[in-house]
C-alpha atoms as a PDB file:
ATOM      1  CA  MET A   1      -5.708 -24.789  23.335  1.00  0.00           C
ATOM      2  CA  ILE A   2      -5.792 -28.089  21.464  1.00  0.00           C
ATOM      3  CA  VAL A   3      -4.602 -28.651  17.897  1.00  0.00           C
ATOM      4  CA  SER A   4      -6.129 -31.669  16.182  1.00  0.00           C
ATOM      5  CA  VAL A   5      -3.747 -33.259  13.696  1.00  0.00           C
ATOM      6  CA  PHE A   6      -4.823 -35.478  10.813  1.00  0.00           C
ATOM      7  CA  GLY A   7      -2.452 -37.881   9.067  1.00  0.00           C
ATOM      8  CA  SER A   8      -1.701 -41.372   7.874  1.00  0.00           C
ATOM      9  CA  SER A   9      -1.307 -44.462  10.025  1.00  0.00           C
ATOM     10  CA  ARG A  10       1.315 -45.819   7.594  1.00  0.00           C
ATOM     11  CA  PRO A  11       4.602 -43.983   8.356  1.00  0.00           C
ATOM     12  CA  ARG A  12       7.063 -45.854  10.564  1.00  0.00           C
ATOM     13  CA  GLU A  13       9.781 -44.534  12.838  1.00  0.00           C
ATOM     14  CA  ASN A  14      12.510 -44.447  10.152  1.00  0.00           C
ATOM     15  CA  ASP A  15      10.336 -42.681   7.539  1.00  0.00           C
ATOM     16  CA  ALA A  16      10.684 -38.984   6.670  1.00  0.00           C
ATOM     17  CA  GLU A  17       6.922 -38.490   7.199  1.00  0.00           C
ATOM     18  CA  TYR A  18       7.212 -39.851  10.743  1.00  0.00           C
ATOM     19  CA  ALA A  19      10.133 -37.509  11.486  1.00  0.00           C
ATOM     20  CA  GLU A  20       8.190 -34.523  10.127  1.00  0.00           C
ATOM     21  CA  ALA A  21       5.114 -35.388  12.204  1.00  0.00           C
ATOM     22  CA  ARG A  22       7.255 -35.864  15.304  1.00  0.00           C
ATOM     23  CA  GLU A  23       8.779 -32.425  14.727  1.00  0.00           C
ATOM     24  CA  LEU A  24       5.265 -31.016  14.301  1.00  0.00           C
ATOM     25  CA  GLY A  25       4.293 -32.404  17.707  1.00  0.00           C
ATOM     26  CA  ARG A  26       7.392 -30.825  19.268  1.00  0.00           C
ATOM     27  CA  ALA A  27       6.790 -27.466  17.579  1.00  0.00           C
ATOM     28  CA  LEU A  28       3.150 -27.373  18.701  1.00  0.00           C
ATOM     29  CA  ALA A  29       3.989 -28.351  22.287  1.00  0.00           C
ATOM     30  CA  LYS A  30       6.744 -25.706  22.467  1.00  0.00           C
ATOM     31  CA  LYS A  31       4.090 -23.106  21.606  1.00  0.00           C
ATOM     32  CA  GLY A  32       1.973 -24.374  24.513  1.00  0.00           C
ATOM     33  CA  PHE A  33      -0.562 -26.356  22.494  1.00  0.00           C
ATOM     34  CA  ALA A  34      -1.942 -29.725  23.518  1.00  0.00           C
ATOM     35  CA  ILE A  35      -2.468 -32.036  20.574  1.00  0.00           C
ATOM     36  CA  CYS A  36      -5.260 -34.391  19.605  1.00  0.00           C
ATOM     37  CA  THR A  37      -4.988 -37.211  17.065  1.00  0.00           C
ATOM     38  CA  GLY A  38      -6.784 -40.361  16.063  1.00  0.00           C
ATOM     39  CA  ALA A  39      -4.467 -42.062  18.607  1.00  0.00           C
ATOM     40  CA  TYR A  40      -3.174 -44.945  16.525  1.00  0.00           C
ATOM     41  CA  GLY A  41       0.168 -45.421  14.729  1.00  0.00           C
ATOM     42  CA  GLY A  42       2.056 -43.602  12.013  1.00  0.00           C
ATOM     43  CA  THR A  43       1.612 -39.846  11.888  1.00  0.00           C
ATOM     44  CA  MET A  44      -0.730 -39.945  14.880  1.00  0.00           C
ATOM     45  CA  GLU A  45       1.902 -41.691  17.016  1.00  0.00           C
ATOM     46  CA  ALA A  46       4.707 -39.452  15.771  1.00  0.00           C
ATOM     47  CA  VAL A  47       2.843 -36.217  16.555  1.00  0.00           C
ATOM     48  CA  ALA A  48       1.922 -37.438  20.035  1.00  0.00           C
ATOM     49  CA  ARG A  49       5.484 -38.637  20.636  1.00  0.00           C
ATOM     50  CA  GLY A  50       6.992 -35.316  19.592  1.00  0.00           C
ATOM     51  CA  ALA A  51       4.552 -33.414  21.782  1.00  0.00           C
ATOM     52  CA  LYS A  52       5.317 -35.609  24.805  1.00  0.00           C
ATOM     53  CA  GLU A  53       9.069 -35.244  24.237  1.00  0.00           C
ATOM     54  CA  ALA A  54       8.602 -31.459  24.370  1.00  0.00           C
ATOM     55  CA  GLY A  55       6.527 -31.634  27.561  1.00  0.00           C
ATOM     56  CA  GLY A  56       3.115 -31.313  25.921  1.00  0.00           C
ATOM     57  CA  LYS A  57      -0.230 -32.937  26.665  1.00  0.00           C
ATOM     58  CA  THR A  58      -1.805 -35.366  24.217  1.00  0.00           C
ATOM     59  CA  TYR A  59      -5.322 -36.537  23.540  1.00  0.00           C
ATOM     60  CA  GLY A  60      -6.255 -39.483  21.371  1.00  0.00           C
ATOM     61  CA  VAL A  61      -9.684 -40.431  20.087  1.00  0.00           C
ATOM     62  CA  THR A  62     -10.166 -44.145  19.466  1.00  0.00           C
ATOM     63  CA  ALA A  63     -13.179 -46.054  18.182  1.00  0.00           C
ATOM     64  CA  GLU A  64     -14.624 -49.442  19.057  1.00  0.00           C
ATOM     65  CA  PHE A  65     -15.070 -49.816  15.283  1.00  0.00           C
ATOM     66  CA  PHE A  66     -11.300 -50.512  15.085  1.00  0.00           C
ATOM     67  CA  THR A  67     -11.529 -53.547  17.379  1.00  0.00           C
ATOM     68  CA  ALA A  68      -7.879 -54.634  17.154  1.00  0.00           C
ATOM     69  CA  SER A  69      -6.426 -51.161  17.688  1.00  0.00           C
ATOM     70  CA  LYS A  70      -5.507 -49.376  20.883  1.00  0.00           C
ATOM     71  CA  ALA A  71      -4.137 -45.923  21.613  1.00  0.00           C
ATOM     72  CA  ASN A  72      -0.411 -45.468  21.130  1.00  0.00           C
ATOM     73  CA  GLU A  73       1.831 -45.164  24.187  1.00  0.00           C
ATOM     74  CA  TRP A  74       2.242 -41.386  23.800  1.00  0.00           C
ATOM     75  CA  VAL A  75      -1.441 -40.565  24.441  1.00  0.00           C
ATOM     76  CA  ASP A  76      -2.175 -39.043  27.873  1.00  0.00           C
ATOM     77  CA  VAL A  77      -5.960 -38.931  27.602  1.00  0.00           C
ATOM     78  CA  GLU A  78      -7.844 -41.488  25.523  1.00  0.00           C
ATOM     79  CA  VAL A  79     -11.379 -40.648  24.455  1.00  0.00           C
ATOM     80  CA  ARG A  80     -13.174 -43.831  23.354  1.00  0.00           C
ATOM     81  CA  VAL A  81     -16.202 -43.683  21.047  1.00  0.00           C
ATOM     82  CA  LYS A  82     -18.154 -46.342  19.181  1.00  0.00           C
ATOM     83  CA  THR A  83     -17.964 -45.474  15.481  1.00  0.00           C
ATOM     84  CA  TRP A  84     -15.593 -44.010  12.927  1.00  0.00           C
ATOM     85  CA  GLN A  85     -17.979 -41.087  12.447  1.00  0.00           C
ATOM     86  CA  GLU A  86     -18.122 -40.314  16.170  1.00  0.00           C
ATOM     87  CA  ARG A  87     -14.318 -40.441  16.245  1.00  0.00           C
ATOM     88  CA  LEU A  88     -14.044 -37.895  13.443  1.00  0.00           C
ATOM     89  CA  PHE A  89     -16.543 -35.499  15.017  1.00  0.00           C
ATOM     90  CA  GLU A  90     -14.905 -35.796  18.450  1.00  0.00           C
ATOM     91  CA  ILE A  91     -11.493 -34.940  16.967  1.00  0.00           C
ATOM     92  CA  LEU A  92     -13.099 -31.919  15.291  1.00  0.00           C
ATOM     93  CA  ARG A  93     -14.922 -30.909  18.485  1.00  0.00           C
ATOM     94  CA  LEU A  94     -11.772 -31.082  20.601  1.00  0.00           C
ATOM     95  CA  GLY A  95      -9.645 -29.044  18.184  1.00  0.00           C
ATOM     96  CA  ASP A  96      -9.286 -25.296  18.499  1.00  0.00           C
ATOM     97  CA  ALA A  97      -7.214 -25.526  15.313  1.00  0.00           C
ATOM     98  CA  PHE A  98      -6.205 -28.191  12.802  1.00  0.00           C
ATOM     99  CA  VAL A  99      -3.215 -29.467  10.856  1.00  0.00           C
ATOM    100  CA  ALA A 100      -3.465 -31.902   7.950  1.00  0.00           C
ATOM    101  CA  CYS A 101      -0.341 -33.930   7.174  1.00  0.00           C
ATOM    102  CA  LYS A 102       0.200 -36.254   4.230  1.00  0.00           C
ATOM    103  CA  GLY A 103      -2.232 -39.159   4.333  1.00  0.00           C
ATOM    104  CA  GLY A 104      -4.696 -41.384   2.539  1.00  0.00           C
ATOM    105  CA  THR A 105      -8.451 -41.467   2.197  1.00  0.00           C
ATOM    106  CA  GLY A 106      -9.047 -41.217   5.952  1.00  0.00           C
ATOM    107  CA  THR A 107      -6.978 -38.052   6.166  1.00  0.00           C
ATOM    108  CA  LEU A 108      -8.699 -36.714   3.068  1.00  0.00           C
ATOM    109  CA  ALA A 109     -12.078 -37.340   4.711  1.00  0.00           C
ATOM    110  CA  GLU A 110     -10.980 -35.545   7.891  1.00  0.00           C
ATOM    111  CA  LEU A 111      -9.598 -32.583   5.965  1.00  0.00           C
ATOM    112  CA  THR A 112     -12.648 -32.186   3.736  1.00  0.00           C
ATOM    113  CA  VAL A 113     -15.247 -32.683   6.474  1.00  0.00           C
ATOM    114  CA  ALA A 114     -13.583 -30.042   8.665  1.00  0.00           C
ATOM    115  CA  TRP A 115     -13.195 -27.699   5.687  1.00  0.00           C
ATOM    116  CA  GLU A 116     -16.812 -28.111   4.585  1.00  0.00           C
ATOM    117  CA  MET A 117     -18.229 -27.732   8.094  1.00  0.00           C
ATOM    118  CA  MET A 118     -16.363 -24.444   8.472  1.00  0.00           C
ATOM    119  CA  ASN A 119     -17.200 -23.360   4.928  1.00  0.00           C
ATOM    120  CA  LYS A 120     -20.912 -23.904   5.577  1.00  0.00           C
ATOM    121  CA  SER A 121     -20.712 -22.420   9.104  1.00  0.00           C
ATOM    122  CA  VAL A 122     -21.782 -25.712  10.674  1.00  0.00           C
ATOM    123  CA  MET A 123     -18.962 -25.096  13.130  1.00  0.00           C
ATOM    124  CA  PRO A 124     -16.941 -21.957  13.850  1.00  0.00           C
ATOM    125  CA  THR A 125     -14.031 -21.237  11.521  1.00  0.00           C
ATOM    126  CA  LYS A 126     -10.816 -22.410  13.167  1.00  0.00           C
ATOM    127  CA  PRO A 127      -7.235 -21.984  11.941  1.00  0.00           C
ATOM    128  CA  PHE A 128      -6.302 -24.863   9.634  1.00  0.00           C
ATOM    129  CA  ALA A 129      -2.757 -25.499   8.381  1.00  0.00           C
ATOM    130  CA  VAL A 130      -2.105 -27.948   5.552  1.00  0.00           C
ATOM    131  CA  LEU A 131       1.484 -29.180   5.940  1.00  0.00           C
ATOM    132  CA  GLY A 132       3.494 -29.472   2.728  1.00  0.00           C
ATOM    133  CA  GLU A 133       2.519 -29.697  -0.908  1.00  0.00           C
ATOM    134  CA  PHE A 134       0.927 -33.168  -0.853  1.00  0.00           C
ATOM    135  CA  TRP A 135      -2.706 -31.959  -0.803  1.00  0.00           C
ATOM    136  CA  GLN A 136      -2.188 -29.025  -3.215  1.00  0.00           C
ATOM    137  CA  PRO A 137      -3.488 -30.730  -6.403  1.00  0.00           C
ATOM    138  CA  ILE A 138      -6.684 -31.867  -4.670  1.00  0.00           C
ATOM    139  CA  LEU A 139      -7.273 -28.539  -2.940  1.00  0.00           C
ATOM    140  CA  GLN A 140      -6.686 -26.603  -6.155  1.00  0.00           C
ATOM    141  CA  CYS A 141      -9.046 -28.884  -8.042  1.00  0.00           C
ATOM    142  CA  VAL A 142     -11.794 -28.494  -5.443  1.00  0.00           C
ATOM    143  CA  ARG A 143     -11.354 -24.756  -4.999  1.00  0.00           C
ATOM    144  CA  GLY A 144     -10.245 -23.816  -8.483  1.00  0.00           C
ATOM    145  CA  VAL A 145      -7.792 -21.335  -6.915  1.00  0.00           C
ATOM    146  CA  GLU A 146      -4.510 -21.456  -5.048  1.00  0.00           C
ATOM    147  CA  VAL A 147      -4.872 -22.404  -1.403  1.00  0.00           C
ATOM    148  CA  GLY A 148      -4.069 -19.302   0.603  1.00  0.00           C
ATOM    149  CA  GLN A 149      -6.051 -16.936  -1.609  1.00  0.00           C
ATOM    150  CA  GLU A 150      -9.414 -15.517  -0.691  1.00  0.00           C
ATOM    151  CA  ASN A 151     -12.400 -17.703  -1.446  1.00  0.00           C
ATOM    152  CA  PRO A 152     -13.960 -16.042  -4.513  1.00  0.00           C
ATOM    153  CA  TRP A 153     -17.386 -17.568  -3.806  1.00  0.00           C
ATOM    154  CA  ALA A 154     -17.869 -16.372  -0.247  1.00  0.00           C
ATOM    155  CA  GLU A 155     -18.394 -12.688   0.394  1.00  0.00           C
ATOM    156  CA  GLY A 156     -16.881 -11.510   3.633  1.00  0.00           C
ATOM    157  CA  LYS A 157     -15.365 -14.917   4.434  1.00  0.00           C
ATOM    158  CA  THR A 158     -11.704 -15.322   5.224  1.00  0.00           C
ATOM    159  CA  GLN A 159      -9.450 -18.044   3.936  1.00  0.00           C
ATOM    160  CA  ILE A 160     -10.075 -21.313   5.781  1.00  0.00           C
ATOM    161  CA  LEU A 161      -7.016 -23.369   4.796  1.00  0.00           C
ATOM    162  CA  ARG A 162      -3.405 -22.172   4.860  1.00  0.00           C
ATOM    163  CA  THR A 163      -0.612 -24.221   3.279  1.00  0.00           C
ATOM    164  CA  VAL A 164       2.641 -24.193   5.254  1.00  0.00           C
ATOM    165  CA  ALA A 165       5.978 -25.739   4.325  1.00  0.00           C
ATOM    166  CA  THR A 166       7.351 -26.816   7.711  1.00  0.00           C
ATOM    167  CA  PRO A 167       6.164 -27.949  11.135  1.00  0.00           C
ATOM    168  CA  GLN A 168       7.562 -24.740  12.612  1.00  0.00           C
ATOM    169  CA  GLN A 169       5.535 -22.647  10.154  1.00  0.00           C
ATOM    170  CA  ALA A 170       2.407 -24.614  11.096  1.00  0.00           C
ATOM    171  CA  ALA A 171       2.979 -23.948  14.806  1.00  0.00           C
ATOM    172  CA  GLU A 172       3.745 -20.269  14.176  1.00  0.00           C
ATOM    173  CA  PHE A 173       0.653 -19.798  11.979  1.00  0.00           C
ATOM    174  CA  LEU A 174      -1.611 -21.426  14.579  1.00  0.00           C
ATOM    175  CA  TRP A 175       0.005 -19.464  17.426  1.00  0.00           C
ATOM    176  CA  ASN A 176      -0.468 -16.172  15.577  1.00  0.00           C
ATOM    177  CA  SER A 177      -4.058 -17.103  14.727  1.00  0.00           C
ATOM    178  CA  LEU A 178      -4.979 -18.112  18.282  1.00  0.00           C
ATOM    179  CA  GLU A 179      -2.764 -15.990  20.544  1.00  0.00           C
ATOM    180  CA  LYS A 180      -5.553 -13.503  21.215  1.00  0.00           C
ATOM    181  CA  GLU A 181      -7.588 -16.389  22.640  1.00  0.00           C
ATOM    182  CA  MET A 182      -4.775 -17.894  24.748  1.00  0.00           C
END
């Protein structure tokens, strides 16, 4: 099972966000998950690094669009595509589950595209953990309800996004959600 993780390219090794993402990679790998990221620096590097340190397998999706960028050293398998859009859809395709970490507009795009595709049944609903409180104001504004509650507009649909406080809670939530498939 592969968990695709979305997050910022900005955090550096001494930043708290980097440490949290690294711990997320470790926690996911300890549960037996491979991880997939956008393969570049920051959160993507930290998650891959943590997973590798815990003995996990890592995938990274890079795009020719980012001509000066290459996959970070912690990526085992690089998948190279041409465009930013192809990169996003390949990360979504590879993931059996998702985690969104703190990030900018790119992370927001990844989170919302995955959420909307599942909401509209364009792709199967997959477990999706949102790490920390960073995205709460946006998610509440879009949904009009607390994340974690049932979607009041969709009869018979289950909650798509689950907010978790720690990397360990993210790994545990995804494990519990997917263990019947593992």
